[in-house]
Amino acid sequence: PPVSIVGNSEKPEHHMLMTGDELILECEVSRVNAIVNWYCNGRLLQEDSRTHIESRDTMRKLVISGLQTSDSG
């Protein structure tokens, strides 16, 4: 069956953070083996020194540390 996001996926969250802050985004999916991709301004995000992507059971998490103005989107 298709994978779905569990919870309120119809109402996007808006975050206003300062340069240097940490952004944490989480979602819960309907299946443990669901593949989740994170995008910013149409660009697929990959893990690097500031970007951490976590998958635990049905929870998926994106953490971007040391935010920069170029992270806006």
N, C-alpha and C. Protein backbone atom coordinates (compact mmCIF):
# COMPACT_ATOMS: atom_id res chain seq x y z
N PRO A 1 0.83 -1.21 0.00
CA PRO A 1 0.00 0.00 0.00
C PRO A 1 0.86 1.26 0.00
N PRO A 2 0.32 2.37 -0.47
CA PRO A 2 1.09 3.62 -0.48
C PRO A 2 1.42 4.07 0.94
N VAL A 3 2.52 4.78 1.05
CA VAL A 3 2.94 5.33 2.34
C VAL A 3 2.23 6.66 2.54
N SER A 4 1.81 6.93 3.76
CA SER A 4 1.20 8.22 4.05
C SER A 4 1.86 8.83 5.28
N ILE A 5 1.77 10.15 5.38
CA ILE A 5 2.26 10.86 6.56
C ILE A 5 1.15 10.81 7.59
N VAL A 6 1.48 10.38 8.80
CA VAL A 6 0.51 10.27 9.87
C VAL A 6 0.41 11.62 10.57
N GLY A 7 -0.79 12.08 10.82
CA GLY A 7 -0.97 13.36 11.50
C GLY A 7 -1.40 14.45 10.54
N ASN A 8 -1.20 15.70 10.92
CA ASN A 8 -1.65 16.84 10.14
C ASN A 8 -0.62 17.21 9.09
N SER A 9 -0.78 16.68 7.90
CA SER A 9 0.15 17.00 6.81
C SER A 9 -0.42 18.07 5.88
N GLU A 10 -1.64 18.52 6.14
CA GLU A 10 -2.28 19.50 5.26
C GLU A 10 -1.94 20.94 5.64
N LYS A 11 -1.38 21.14 6.81
CA LYS A 11 -1.10 22.48 7.32
C LYS A 11 0.40 22.62 7.54
N PRO A 12 1.13 23.24 6.60
CA PRO A 12 2.58 23.34 6.76
C PRO A 12 2.97 24.19 7.97
N GLU A 13 4.08 23.80 8.57
CA GLU A 13 4.62 24.55 9.71
C GLU A 13 5.50 25.68 9.19
N HIS A 14 5.49 26.79 9.91
CA HIS A 14 6.37 27.90 9.58
C HIS A 14 7.26 28.15 10.78
N HIS A 15 8.56 28.20 10.54
CA HIS A 15 9.53 28.42 11.60
C HIS A 15 10.28 29.71 11.32
N MET A 16 10.41 30.53 12.35
CA MET A 16 11.22 31.74 12.24
C MET A 16 12.36 31.59 13.25
N LEU A 17 13.55 31.36 12.72
CA LEU A 17 14.71 31.12 13.57
C LEU A 17 15.80 32.12 13.25
N MET A 18 16.78 32.18 14.12
CA MET A 18 17.89 33.11 13.95
C MET A 18 19.10 32.37 13.38
N THR A 19 19.97 33.12 12.74
CA THR A 19 21.23 32.55 12.26
C THR A 19 21.96 31.90 13.43
N GLY A 20 22.44 30.69 13.22
CA GLY A 20 23.14 29.94 14.27
C GLY A 20 22.24 28.98 15.02
N ASP A 21 20.91 29.14 14.93
CA ASP A 21 19.98 28.25 15.61
C ASP A 21 19.99 26.85 14.98
N GLU A 22 19.25 25.95 15.59
CA GLU A 22 19.09 24.59 15.10
C GLU A 22 17.63 24.39 14.71
N LEU A 23 17.39 23.82 13.53
CA LEU A 23 16.05 23.51 13.06
C LEU A 23 15.85 22.01 13.15
N ILE A 24 14.73 21.60 13.77
CA ILE A 24 14.39 20.18 13.86
C ILE A 24 13.00 20.00 13.27
N LEU A 25 12.91 19.18 12.22
CA LEU A 25 11.63 18.84 11.60
C LEU A 25 11.43 17.34 11.74
N GLU A 26 10.21 16.94 12.11
CA GLU A 26 9.89 15.52 12.28
C GLU A 26 8.59 15.20 11.57
N CYS A 27 8.49 13.96 11.11
CA CYS A 27 7.22 13.46 10.60
C CYS A 27 7.12 11.98 10.94
N GLU A 28 5.90 11.51 11.01
CA GLU A 28 5.64 10.09 11.24
C GLU A 28 4.98 9.53 9.99
N VAL A 29 5.47 8.40 9.54
CA VAL A 29 4.94 7.76 8.33
C VAL A 29 4.22 6.48 8.70
N SER A 30 3.45 5.96 7.78
CA SER A 30 2.58 4.82 8.06
C SER A 30 3.29 3.47 8.06
N ARG A 31 4.49 3.40 7.52
CA ARG A 31 5.23 2.13 7.48
C ARG A 31 6.66 2.32 7.93
N VAL A 32 7.19 1.34 8.64
CA VAL A 32 8.57 1.38 9.14
C VAL A 32 9.58 1.49 8.00
N ASN A 33 9.31 0.83 6.88
CA ASN A 33 10.28 0.79 5.78
C ASN A 33 10.06 1.91 4.76
N ALA A 34 9.28 2.93 5.08
CA ALA A 34 9.02 4.03 4.15
C ALA A 34 10.29 4.84 3.91
N ILE A 35 10.50 5.20 2.67
CA ILE A 35 11.63 6.05 2.30
C ILE A 35 11.15 7.50 2.31
N VAL A 36 11.86 8.36 3.03
CA VAL A 36 11.51 9.77 3.12
C VAL A 36 12.68 10.59 2.59
N ASN A 37 12.39 11.54 1.71
CA ASN A 37 13.39 12.47 1.20
C ASN A 37 13.01 13.87 1.68
N TRP A 38 14.00 14.63 2.09
CA TRP A 38 13.80 16.00 2.55
C TRP A 38 14.32 16.95 1.49
N TYR A 39 13.55 18.00 1.20
CA TYR A 39 13.89 18.98 0.17
C TYR A 39 13.86 20.39 0.73
N CYS A 40 14.69 21.25 0.19
CA CYS A 40 14.66 22.68 0.49
C CYS A 40 14.74 23.41 -0.84
N ASN A 41 13.69 24.19 -1.14
CA ASN A 41 13.63 24.93 -2.40
C ASN A 41 13.84 24.03 -3.61
N GLY A 42 13.25 22.82 -3.57
CA GLY A 42 13.34 21.89 -4.68
C GLY A 42 14.63 21.09 -4.76
N ARG A 43 15.55 21.32 -3.83
CA ARG A 43 16.85 20.63 -3.83
C ARG A 43 16.83 19.53 -2.77
N LEU A 44 17.17 18.31 -3.19
CA LEU A 44 17.23 17.18 -2.27
C LEU A 44 18.34 17.40 -1.25
N LEU A 45 18.00 17.31 0.03
CA LEU A 45 19.00 17.50 1.08
C LEU A 45 19.76 16.20 1.33
N GLN A 46 21.04 16.32 1.56
CA GLN A 46 21.92 15.20 1.88
C GLN A 46 22.57 15.49 3.23
N GLU A 47 22.96 14.45 3.94
CA GLU A 47 23.66 14.66 5.21
C GLU A 47 25.02 15.26 4.95
N ASP A 48 25.39 16.22 5.81
CA ASP A 48 26.72 16.80 5.78
C ASP A 48 27.06 17.24 7.19
N SER A 49 28.03 18.13 7.34
CA SER A 49 28.48 18.52 8.68
C SER A 49 27.41 19.27 9.47
N ARG A 50 26.43 19.87 8.79
CA ARG A 50 25.37 20.61 9.49
C ARG A 50 24.00 19.94 9.38
N THR A 51 23.86 18.97 8.51
CA THR A 51 22.56 18.34 8.23
C THR A 51 22.59 16.88 8.66
N HIS A 52 21.65 16.52 9.54
CA HIS A 52 21.54 15.15 10.04
C HIS A 52 20.14 14.64 9.73
N ILE A 53 20.06 13.46 9.12
CA ILE A 53 18.79 12.84 8.78
C ILE A 53 18.69 11.52 9.55
N GLU A 54 17.57 11.36 10.28
CA GLU A 54 17.41 10.21 11.16
C GLU A 54 16.12 9.46 10.82
N SER A 55 16.19 8.14 10.91
CA SER A 55 15.04 7.28 10.69
C SER A 55 14.98 6.27 11.82
N ARG A 56 13.88 6.32 12.59
CA ARG A 56 13.73 5.40 13.72
C ARG A 56 12.28 4.92 13.75
N ASP A 57 12.07 3.62 13.51
CA ASP A 57 10.73 3.05 13.40
C ASP A 57 9.94 3.84 12.35
N THR A 58 8.82 4.44 12.73
CA THR A 58 8.02 5.21 11.76
C THR A 58 8.30 6.70 11.83
N MET A 59 9.25 7.10 12.66
CA MET A 59 9.58 8.52 12.80
C MET A 59 10.76 8.88 11.89
N ARG A 60 10.66 10.04 11.24
CA ARG A 60 11.74 10.57 10.42
C ARG A 60 12.06 11.97 10.93
N LYS A 61 13.33 12.30 10.99
CA LYS A 61 13.75 13.58 11.55
C LYS A 61 14.85 14.21 10.70
N LEU A 62 14.73 15.52 10.51
CA LEU A 62 15.75 16.32 9.84
C LEU A 62 16.24 17.36 10.83
N VAL A 63 17.55 17.43 11.03
CA VAL A 63 18.14 18.43 11.93
C VAL A 63 19.19 19.21 11.14
N ILE A 64 19.02 20.52 11.10
CA ILE A 64 20.01 21.40 10.47
C ILE A 64 20.54 22.30 11.57
N SER A 65 21.82 22.21 11.84
CA SER A 65 22.43 23.01 12.90
C SER A 65 23.19 24.19 12.29
N GLY A 66 23.46 25.19 13.11
CA GLY A 66 24.20 26.36 12.64
C GLY A 66 23.53 27.01 11.45
N LEU A 67 22.24 27.29 11.57
CA LEU A 67 21.48 27.83 10.44
C LEU A 67 22.13 29.07 9.84
N GLN A 68 22.04 29.16 8.52
CA GLN A 68 22.56 30.29 7.76
C GLN A 68 21.41 30.89 6.96
N THR A 69 21.53 32.12 6.55
CA THR A 69 20.46 32.74 5.77
C THR A 69 20.20 31.96 4.48
N SER A 70 21.19 31.28 3.95
CA SER A 70 21.01 30.48 2.73
C SER A 70 20.14 29.25 2.96
N ASP A 71 19.84 28.91 4.22
CA ASP A 71 18.98 27.77 4.53
C ASP A 71 17.50 28.13 4.44
N SER A 72 17.18 29.39 4.22
CA SER A 72 15.78 29.81 4.13
C SER A 72 15.11 29.10 2.96
N GLY A 73 13.83 28.83 3.14
CA GLY A 73 13.10 28.21 2.05
C GLY A 73 11.76 27.72 2.48
